[in-house]
N, C-alpha and C. Protein backbone atom coordinates (compact mmCIF):
# COMPACT_ATOMS: atom_id res chain seq x y z
N UNK A 1 9.32 -11.24 26.17
CA UNK A 1 8.45 -11.84 25.53
C UNK A 1 7.06 -11.07 25.51
N UNK A 2 6.60 -10.48 26.27
CA UNK A 2 5.29 -9.48 26.28
C UNK A 2 5.47 -8.68 25.17
N UNK A 3 6.55 -8.19 24.86
CA UNK A 3 6.92 -6.99 23.74
C UNK A 3 6.71 -7.84 22.59
N UNK A 4 7.17 -8.92 22.34
CA UNK A 4 7.06 -9.84 21.01
C UNK A 4 5.68 -10.06 20.68
N UNK A 5 4.71 -10.33 21.74
CA UNK A 5 3.39 -10.47 21.60
C UNK A 5 2.68 -9.54 21.10
N UNK A 6 3.02 -8.04 21.61
CA UNK A 6 2.37 -6.92 21.02
C UNK A 6 2.72 -6.70 19.78
N UNK A 7 4.04 -6.73 19.37
CA UNK A 7 4.61 -6.78 17.91
C UNK A 7 3.72 -7.61 17.14
N UNK A 8 3.59 -8.88 17.40
CA UNK A 8 3.20 -9.75 16.57
C UNK A 8 1.48 -9.11 16.28
N UNK A 9 0.76 -8.87 17.15
CA UNK A 9 -0.80 -8.52 17.35
C UNK A 9 -1.04 -6.88 17.60
N UNK A 10 -0.65 -6.01 16.90
CA UNK A 10 -1.01 -4.58 17.83
C UNK A 10 -2.78 -4.70 17.76
N UNK A 11 -2.98 -3.81 18.63
CA UNK A 11 -4.12 -3.52 18.83
C UNK A 11 -4.89 -2.13 18.25
N UNK A 12 -4.05 -0.94 18.03
CA UNK A 12 -4.77 -0.07 17.89
C UNK A 12 -4.02 0.51 16.52
N UNK A 13 -4.54 1.44 16.02
CA UNK A 13 -4.04 1.89 14.63
C UNK A 13 -2.37 2.49 14.92
N UNK A 14 -2.56 3.27 16.21
CA UNK A 14 -1.09 4.07 16.46
C UNK A 14 -0.24 2.61 16.69
N UNK A 15 -0.31 1.70 17.24
CA UNK A 15 0.55 0.68 17.58
C UNK A 15 0.76 0.16 16.03
N UNK A 16 -0.05 -0.32 15.33
CA UNK A 16 0.14 -0.63 14.14
C UNK A 16 1.14 0.21 13.19
N UNK A 17 0.91 1.79 13.12
CA UNK A 17 1.61 2.48 12.40
C UNK A 17 3.09 2.51 13.18
N UNK A 18 3.23 2.53 14.33
CA UNK A 18 4.50 2.52 14.97
C UNK A 18 5.32 1.63 14.59
N UNK A 19 4.93 0.38 14.53
CA UNK A 19 5.83 -0.89 14.48
C UNK A 19 5.96 -0.85 12.64
N UNK A 20 5.09 -0.20 11.98
CA UNK A 20 5.68 -0.19 10.56
C UNK A 20 6.59 0.52 10.30
N UNK A 21 6.57 1.56 10.90
CA UNK A 21 7.75 2.81 10.68
C UNK A 21 8.86 2.11 11.57
N UNK A 22 8.90 1.65 12.70
CA UNK A 22 9.86 1.11 13.18
C UNK A 22 10.61 0.15 12.50
N UNK A 23 9.80 -0.84 11.85
CA UNK A 23 10.29 -1.69 10.53
C UNK A 23 11.35 -1.32 9.61
N UNK A 24 10.46 -0.25 9.00
CA UNK A 24 11.27 0.44 8.22
C UNK A 24 12.37 1.12 8.53
N UNK A 25 12.62 2.00 9.76
CA UNK A 25 13.57 2.58 10.31
C UNK A 25 14.88 1.76 10.09
N UNK A 26 14.27 0.36 10.81
CA UNK A 26 15.52 -0.79 11.02
C UNK A 26 15.82 -1.28 9.98
N UNK A 27 15.48 -1.01 8.87
CA UNK A 27 15.69 -1.81 7.45
C UNK A 27 14.95 -3.22 7.37
N UNK A 28 14.04 -3.54 8.04
CA UNK A 28 13.43 -4.75 7.65
C UNK A 28 12.09 -4.29 6.50
N UNK A 29 12.35 -4.19 5.46
CA UNK A 29 11.44 -3.59 4.52
C UNK A 29 10.35 -4.64 4.08
N UNK A 30 10.21 -5.72 4.35
CA UNK A 30 9.56 -6.70 3.81
C UNK A 30 8.57 -6.53 5.18
N UNK A 31 8.96 -6.64 6.20
CA UNK A 31 7.78 -6.19 7.49
C UNK A 31 7.20 -4.92 7.06
N UNK A 32 7.84 -3.94 6.84
CA UNK A 32 7.44 -2.59 6.68
C UNK A 32 6.18 -2.66 5.71
N UNK A 33 6.69 -3.37 4.54
CA UNK A 33 5.77 -3.63 3.46
C UNK A 33 4.52 -4.08 3.76
N UNK A 34 4.71 -5.36 4.76
CA UNK A 34 3.56 -6.25 5.34
C UNK A 34 2.68 -5.35 6.12
N UNK A 35 3.30 -4.51 6.82
CA UNK A 35 2.29 -3.79 7.90
C UNK A 35 1.64 -2.58 7.27
N UNK A 36 2.49 -1.80 6.23
CA UNK A 36 2.00 -0.86 5.84
C UNK A 36 0.79 -1.39 4.75
N UNK A 37 0.80 -2.64 4.23
CA UNK A 37 -0.01 -3.21 3.22
C UNK A 37 -1.42 -3.44 4.15
N UNK A 38 -0.99 -3.92 5.36
CA UNK A 38 -2.27 -4.16 6.19
C UNK A 38 -3.13 -2.95 6.73
N UNK A 39 -2.16 -2.03 7.05
CA UNK A 39 -2.99 -0.36 6.95
C UNK A 39 -3.64 -0.12 6.14
N UNK A 40 -3.13 -0.32 4.72
CA UNK A 40 -3.71 -0.02 3.55
C UNK A 40 -5.28 -0.71 3.50
N UNK A 41 -5.00 -1.92 3.64
CA UNK A 41 -6.02 -2.88 3.56
C UNK A 41 -7.21 -2.56 4.45
N UNK A 42 -6.82 -1.78 5.49
CA UNK A 42 -8.10 -1.37 6.52
C UNK A 42 -8.45 0.10 6.01
N UNK A 43 -7.92 0.46 4.95
CA UNK A 43 -8.30 2.08 4.64
C UNK A 43 -7.73 2.98 5.10
N UNK A 44 -6.62 3.06 5.82
CA UNK A 44 -5.65 4.40 6.06
C UNK A 44 -4.94 4.67 4.75
N UNK A 45 -5.46 5.71 4.43
CA UNK A 45 -4.80 6.68 3.43
C UNK A 45 -3.18 6.99 3.39
N UNK A 46 -3.09 7.31 4.57
CA UNK A 46 -1.48 7.47 4.64
C UNK A 46 -0.62 6.47 4.37
N UNK A 47 -1.12 5.15 4.71
CA UNK A 47 -0.35 3.86 4.33
C UNK A 47 -0.17 4.08 2.86
N UNK A 48 -0.72 4.31 2.14
CA UNK A 48 -0.80 4.24 0.46
C UNK A 48 0.65 4.90 -0.04
N UNK A 49 0.53 6.18 0.83
CA UNK A 49 2.09 7.02 0.09
C UNK A 49 3.02 6.30 0.57
N UNK A 50 3.13 5.83 1.93
CA UNK A 50 4.12 4.91 2.41
C UNK A 50 4.46 3.59 1.57
N UNK A 51 3.58 2.87 0.87
CA UNK A 51 3.69 1.83 -0.02
C UNK A 51 3.95 2.22 -1.00
N UNK A 52 3.99 3.28 -1.72
CA UNK A 52 4.17 3.90 -3.12
C UNK A 52 5.91 4.14 -2.97
N UNK A 53 6.12 4.89 -1.76
CA UNK A 53 7.65 5.02 -1.21
C UNK A 53 8.57 3.76 -1.34
N UNK A 54 7.78 2.74 -0.95
CA UNK A 54 8.60 1.33 -0.94
C UNK A 54 8.46 0.58 -2.11
N UNK A 55 7.62 0.44 -2.69
CA UNK A 55 7.32 0.17 -4.37
C UNK A 55 8.60 0.93 -5.34
N UNK A 56 8.23 2.43 -5.08
CA UNK A 56 9.29 2.90 -6.12
C UNK A 56 10.49 2.71 -5.81
N UNK A 57 10.95 2.84 -4.43
CA UNK A 57 12.35 2.28 -4.27
C UNK A 57 13.00 0.90 -4.15
N UNK A 58 11.83 0.00 -4.16
CA UNK A 58 12.22 -1.50 -4.44
C UNK A 58 12.41 -2.03 -3.11
N UNK A 59 11.90 -1.42 -1.81
CA UNK A 59 12.20 -2.04 -0.78
C UNK A 59 11.21 -3.00 -0.20
N UNK A 60 11.84 -4.33 0.20
CA UNK A 60 10.69 -5.30 0.23
C UNK A 60 10.22 -5.91 -0.82
N UNK A 61 10.79 -5.39 -1.91
CA UNK A 61 10.55 -6.34 -3.23
C UNK A 61 12.03 -6.70 -3.83
N UNK A 62 11.78 -7.77 -4.98
CA UNK A 62 12.89 -7.90 -5.56
C UNK A 62 13.66 -6.86 -6.36
N UNK A 63 12.70 -5.79 -6.71
CA UNK A 63 12.97 -4.95 -7.78
C UNK A 63 12.09 -3.43 -7.98
N UNK A 64 12.48 -2.28 -8.13
CA UNK A 64 11.47 -1.14 -7.90
C UNK A 64 10.11 -1.57 -8.76
N UNK A 65 9.22 -1.11 -8.29
CA UNK A 65 7.78 -1.51 -9.12
C UNK A 65 7.19 -0.14 -9.25
N UNK A 66 7.37 0.90 -10.41
CA UNK A 66 6.85 2.15 -10.71
C UNK A 66 5.19 2.13 -10.83
N UNK A 67 5.01 1.03 -11.62
CA UNK A 67 3.67 0.98 -11.75
C UNK A 67 2.72 0.76 -10.46
N UNK A 68 3.23 0.05 -9.63
CA UNK A 68 2.54 -0.29 -8.38
C UNK A 68 2.64 0.94 -7.43
N UNK A 69 3.81 1.68 -7.58
CA UNK A 69 4.09 2.86 -6.79
C UNK A 69 3.14 3.95 -7.36
N UNK A 70 2.84 4.08 -8.61
CA UNK A 70 1.97 5.07 -9.03
C UNK A 70 0.67 4.81 -8.49
N UNK A 71 0.30 3.63 -8.48
CA UNK A 71 -1.24 3.29 -8.31
C UNK A 71 -1.22 3.57 -6.67
N UNK A 72 -0.35 3.17 -5.91
CA UNK A 72 -0.50 3.94 -4.57
C UNK A 72 -0.61 5.15 -4.24
N UNK A 73 0.47 5.87 -5.13
CA UNK A 73 0.50 7.60 -4.99
C UNK A 73 -0.65 8.19 -5.43
N UNK A 74 -1.54 7.42 -6.37
CA UNK A 74 -2.74 7.88 -7.03
C UNK A 74 -4.04 7.91 -6.31
N UNK A 75 -3.88 6.55 -5.41
CA UNK A 75 -4.88 6.30 -4.40
C UNK A 75 -4.77 7.40 -3.15
N UNK A 76 -3.22 7.66 -2.50
CA UNK A 76 -3.43 8.58 -1.67
C UNK A 76 -3.58 10.05 -1.96
N UNK A 77 -3.53 10.40 -3.06
CA UNK A 77 -3.78 11.65 -3.86
C UNK A 77 -5.49 11.73 -3.84
N UNK A 78 -5.96 10.70 -4.38
CA UNK A 78 -7.47 10.74 -4.28
C UNK A 78 -8.39 10.63 -2.93
N UNK A 79 -7.54 10.06 -2.15
CA UNK A 79 -7.91 9.83 -0.85
C UNK A 79 -7.81 10.91 0.05
N UNK A 80 -6.71 11.61 0.46
CA UNK A 80 -6.33 12.81 1.26
C UNK A 80 -5.71 14.02 0.56
N UNK A 81 -5.46 13.90 -0.76
CA UNK A 81 -4.72 14.80 -1.21
C UNK A 81 -3.37 14.85 -0.92
N UNK A 82 -2.67 14.03 -0.92
CA UNK A 82 -1.43 13.86 0.17
C UNK A 82 -0.46 14.60 -0.59
N UNK A 83 0.38 15.66 0.02
CA UNK A 83 1.59 16.50 -0.53
C UNK A 83 2.51 15.61 -1.24
N UNK A 84 2.82 14.68 -0.21
CA UNK A 84 4.00 13.44 -0.24
C UNK A 84 3.95 12.79 -1.33
N UNK A 85 2.33 12.51 -1.32
CA UNK A 85 2.06 11.39 -2.74
C UNK A 85 2.17 12.08 -3.86
N UNK A 86 1.87 13.49 -4.08
CA UNK A 86 2.06 14.32 -5.20
C UNK A 86 3.71 14.39 -5.60
N UNK A 87 4.49 14.50 -4.50
CA UNK A 87 5.77 14.45 -4.85
C UNK A 87 6.64 12.88 -5.22
N UNK A 88 5.74 12.08 -4.69
CA UNK A 88 6.31 10.70 -5.27
C UNK A 88 5.58 10.28 -6.63
N UNK A 89 4.61 10.63 -6.94
CA UNK A 89 3.87 10.58 -8.22
C UNK A 89 4.70 11.30 -9.40
N UNK A 90 5.41 12.64 -9.10
CA UNK A 90 5.91 13.35 -9.98
C UNK A 90 7.40 12.67 -10.14
N UNK A 91 8.00 12.21 -9.23
CA UNK A 91 9.16 11.48 -9.25
C UNK A 91 9.07 10.23 -10.22
N UNK A 92 7.96 9.37 -10.08
CA UNK A 92 7.51 8.42 -11.03
C UNK A 92 7.31 8.76 -12.50
N UNK A 93 6.56 9.70 -12.56
CA UNK A 93 6.37 10.23 -13.79
C UNK A 93 7.54 10.58 -14.56
N UNK A 94 8.58 11.37 -13.94
CA UNK A 94 9.64 11.61 -14.27
C UNK A 94 10.28 10.32 -15.11
N UNK A 95 10.28 9.30 -14.31
CA UNK A 95 11.13 8.04 -14.46
C UNK A 95 10.56 7.42 -15.58
N UNK A 96 9.20 7.63 -15.90
CA UNK A 96 8.52 6.80 -16.71
C UNK A 96 8.42 7.35 -18.45
N UNK A 97 8.25 6.20 -19.15
CA UNK A 97 7.98 6.98 -20.50
C UNK A 97 6.47 7.04 -20.55
N UNK A 98 6.42 7.74 -21.64
CA UNK A 98 4.87 7.85 -22.04
C UNK A 98 4.44 9.01 -22.49
N UNK A 99 3.74 9.63 -23.24
CA UNK A 99 3.05 10.91 -23.62
C UNK A 99 2.36 11.67 -22.30
N UNK A 100 2.44 13.00 -22.10
CA UNK A 100 1.84 13.39 -20.98
C UNK A 100 2.55 13.39 -19.62
N UNK A 101 3.45 12.30 -19.55
CA UNK A 101 3.84 12.21 -18.12
C UNK A 101 4.61 13.52 -17.62
N UNK A 102 5.18 14.09 -18.42
CA UNK A 102 6.25 15.25 -18.25
C UNK A 102 5.41 16.40 -17.61
N UNK A 103 4.23 16.49 -18.43
CA UNK A 103 3.25 17.49 -17.94
C UNK A 103 2.36 17.26 -16.65
N UNK A 104 2.11 16.14 -16.52
CA UNK A 104 1.60 15.60 -15.13
C UNK A 104 2.51 15.72 -14.31
N UNK A 105 4.12 15.41 -14.39
CA UNK A 105 4.95 15.48 -13.31
C UNK A 105 5.42 16.91 -13.16
N UNK A 106 5.04 17.71 -13.79
CA UNK A 106 5.49 19.30 -13.38
C UNK A 106 4.09 19.65 -12.65
N UNK A 107 2.80 19.18 -12.89
CA UNK A 107 1.70 19.64 -12.25
C UNK A 107 1.88 19.10 -10.74
N UNK A 108 2.16 17.83 -10.60
CA UNK A 108 2.23 17.40 -9.23
C UNK A 108 3.27 17.78 -8.36
N UNK A 109 4.46 18.18 -9.22
CA UNK A 109 5.81 18.70 -8.23
C UNK A 109 5.28 20.27 -7.97
N UNK A 110 4.45 20.74 -8.77
CA UNK A 110 3.85 22.00 -8.51
C UNK A 110 3.11 21.84 -7.07
N UNK A 111 2.05 21.07 -7.18
CA UNK A 111 1.41 20.86 -6.10
C UNK A 111 2.13 20.63 -5.00
N UNK A 112 3.16 19.81 -4.88
CA UNK A 112 3.68 19.62 -3.57
C UNK A 112 4.64 20.80 -3.11
N UNK A 113 5.23 21.35 -4.36
CA UNK A 113 5.82 22.66 -4.05
C UNK A 113 5.16 23.60 -3.00
N UNK A 114 3.77 23.94 -3.62
CA UNK A 114 3.02 24.76 -3.11
C UNK A 114 2.42 24.42 -1.29
N UNK A 115 2.82 23.35 -1.34
CA UNK A 115 2.63 22.61 0.58
C UNK A 115 4.01 22.97 1.12
N UNK A 116 5.18 23.51 0.62
CA UNK A 116 6.19 23.51 1.09
C UNK A 116 7.12 22.67 1.13
N UNK A 117 7.22 22.01 -0.12
CA UNK A 117 8.42 20.84 -0.29
C UNK A 117 9.46 21.46 -1.00
N UNK A 118 10.59 21.78 -0.63
CA UNK A 118 11.58 22.17 -1.45
C UNK A 118 12.09 21.42 -2.83
N UNK A 119 11.94 20.08 -2.26
CA UNK A 119 12.42 18.76 -3.40
C UNK A 119 11.37 18.99 -4.53
N UNK A 120 10.35 19.19 -4.17
CA UNK A 120 9.17 19.51 -5.44
C UNK A 120 9.82 20.59 -6.35
N UNK A 121 10.36 21.70 -5.76
CA UNK A 121 10.72 22.74 -6.90
C UNK A 121 12.02 22.18 -7.86
N UNK A 122 12.60 21.34 -7.22
CA UNK A 122 13.70 20.55 -7.98
C UNK A 122 13.07 19.78 -9.17
N UNK A 123 12.20 19.03 -8.71
CA UNK A 123 11.71 18.21 -9.86
C UNK A 123 11.12 18.95 -10.76
N UNK A 124 10.36 20.04 -10.24
CA UNK A 124 9.53 21.03 -11.36
C UNK A 124 10.52 21.23 -12.20
N UNK A 125 11.69 21.76 -11.92
CA UNK A 125 12.46 22.22 -12.85
C UNK A 125 13.22 20.99 -13.72
N UNK A 126 13.40 19.92 -13.14
CA UNK A 126 14.06 18.80 -13.87
C UNK A 126 12.82 18.52 -14.87
N UNK A 127 11.46 18.53 -14.75
CA UNK A 127 10.71 18.13 -15.59
C UNK A 127 10.46 19.21 -16.81
N UNK A 128 10.75 20.48 -16.55
CA UNK A 128 10.80 21.39 -16.99
C UNK A 128 11.57 21.43 -18.44
N UNK A 129 12.94 21.23 -17.50
CA UNK A 129 14.19 21.13 -18.36
C UNK A 129 14.27 19.92 -19.47
N UNK A 130 13.59 18.84 -18.93
CA UNK A 130 13.30 17.65 -19.94
C UNK A 130 12.48 17.98 -21.16
N UNK A 131 11.35 18.75 -20.79
CA UNK A 131 10.45 19.00 -21.70
C UNK A 131 11.11 19.77 -22.97
N UNK A 132 11.98 20.87 -22.59
CA UNK A 132 12.60 21.54 -23.35
C UNK A 132 13.61 20.89 -24.13
N UNK A 133 14.16 20.30 -23.80
CA UNK A 133 15.24 19.45 -24.17
C UNK A 133 14.67 18.55 -25.46
N UNK A 134 13.38 17.84 -25.29
CA UNK A 134 12.76 17.09 -26.24
C UNK A 134 12.46 18.17 -27.13
N UNK A 135 11.59 19.42 -26.97
CA UNK A 135 11.22 20.18 -27.68
C UNK A 135 12.24 20.76 -28.53
N UNK A 136 13.48 20.91 -28.16
CA UNK A 136 14.36 21.49 -28.85
C UNK A 136 15.19 20.42 -29.81
N UNK A 137 15.10 19.15 -29.42
CA UNK A 137 15.47 18.03 -30.29
C UNK A 137 14.66 17.92 -31.61
N UNK A 138 13.36 18.17 -31.18
CA UNK A 138 12.45 18.06 -32.32
C UNK A 138 11.76 19.28 -32.60
N UNK A 139 11.99 20.22 -33.28
CA UNK A 139 11.43 21.36 -33.36
C UNK A 139 10.51 21.38 -34.53
N UNK A 140 9.99 20.26 -35.04
CA UNK A 140 9.06 20.17 -36.14
C UNK A 140 7.55 20.29 -35.34
N UNK A 141 7.80 19.67 -33.97
CA UNK A 141 6.30 19.50 -33.34
C UNK A 141 5.94 20.52 -32.79
N UNK A 142 4.84 21.34 -33.03
CA UNK A 142 4.52 22.54 -32.60
C UNK A 142 3.85 22.51 -31.04
N UNK A 143 3.24 21.39 -30.92
CA UNK A 143 2.91 21.00 -29.88
C UNK A 143 3.48 21.19 -28.73
N UNK A 144 5.04 20.46 -28.88
CA UNK A 144 5.99 20.75 -27.99
C UNK A 144 6.53 21.92 -27.42
N UNK A 145 6.63 22.88 -28.53
CA UNK A 145 7.06 24.34 -28.57
C UNK A 145 5.89 25.20 -27.52
N UNK A 146 4.54 24.58 -27.72
CA UNK A 146 3.37 25.11 -26.77
C UNK A 146 3.67 24.91 -25.45
N UNK A 147 3.99 23.45 -25.14
CA UNK A 147 4.05 23.08 -23.77
C UNK A 147 5.22 23.80 -23.36
N UNK A 148 6.46 23.96 -24.11
CA UNK A 148 7.63 24.66 -23.35
C UNK A 148 7.38 26.16 -23.09
N UNK A 149 6.50 26.99 -24.02
CA UNK A 149 5.92 28.18 -23.62
C UNK A 149 5.45 28.34 -22.35
N UNK A 150 4.26 27.22 -22.26
CA UNK A 150 3.47 27.21 -21.15
C UNK A 150 4.27 27.12 -19.87
N UNK A 151 5.40 26.31 -19.76
CA UNK A 151 5.92 26.06 -18.74
C UNK A 151 6.59 27.19 -18.42
N UNK A 152 7.46 28.13 -19.23
CA UNK A 152 7.99 29.44 -19.01
C UNK A 152 6.89 30.13 -18.35
N UNK A 153 5.76 30.19 -19.13
CA UNK A 153 5.07 31.00 -18.42
C UNK A 153 4.42 30.92 -16.82
N UNK A 154 4.48 29.45 -16.44
CA UNK A 154 3.88 29.05 -15.45
C UNK A 154 5.45 29.27 -14.42
N UNK A 155 6.27 28.91 -14.58
CA UNK A 155 7.80 29.42 -14.25
C UNK A 155 7.71 30.94 -13.61
N UNK A 156 7.43 31.49 -14.66
CA UNK A 156 7.38 33.24 -14.33
C UNK A 156 6.38 33.44 -13.22
N UNK A 157 5.33 32.92 -13.34
CA UNK A 157 4.00 33.22 -12.53
C UNK A 157 4.27 32.75 -11.12
N UNK A 158 4.97 31.55 -11.12
CA UNK A 158 5.36 30.85 -9.57
C UNK A 158 6.49 31.71 -9.08
N UNK A 159 7.30 32.31 -9.92
CA UNK A 159 8.20 32.79 -9.14
C UNK A 159 9.65 32.08 -9.09
């Protein structure tokens, strides 16, 4: 009984974070979404990234919400320059249509990769490859070829 009371009304940040993570771990995504949302309302920037992950995957929602995920990742980046938020934003941008998204996806994946995330290297390669495929399909656009050349230069420089 006492444990349930604590679970309903956590007193400290650590308790709130613990219960949010525990809800996620147990697959209770609606509760995790609610708890991370409460932390985000209190201004905990780490919660922004977690909310971005939940929205991107659609956990606790009826369907994935890439626009909302993008908003949460951008808030986390603005608040604490979170490498995991850079990685998440890169994933969302790769899934989104729109001019400039590929370039931004590469940039954010590169930032995450510099912070030691190996998955970010793979996302950077995907975004670069997608750019090359678009450019080779439409050779008439010199701007796309300039982007391809720039990506190759960046890839060579980063090793």
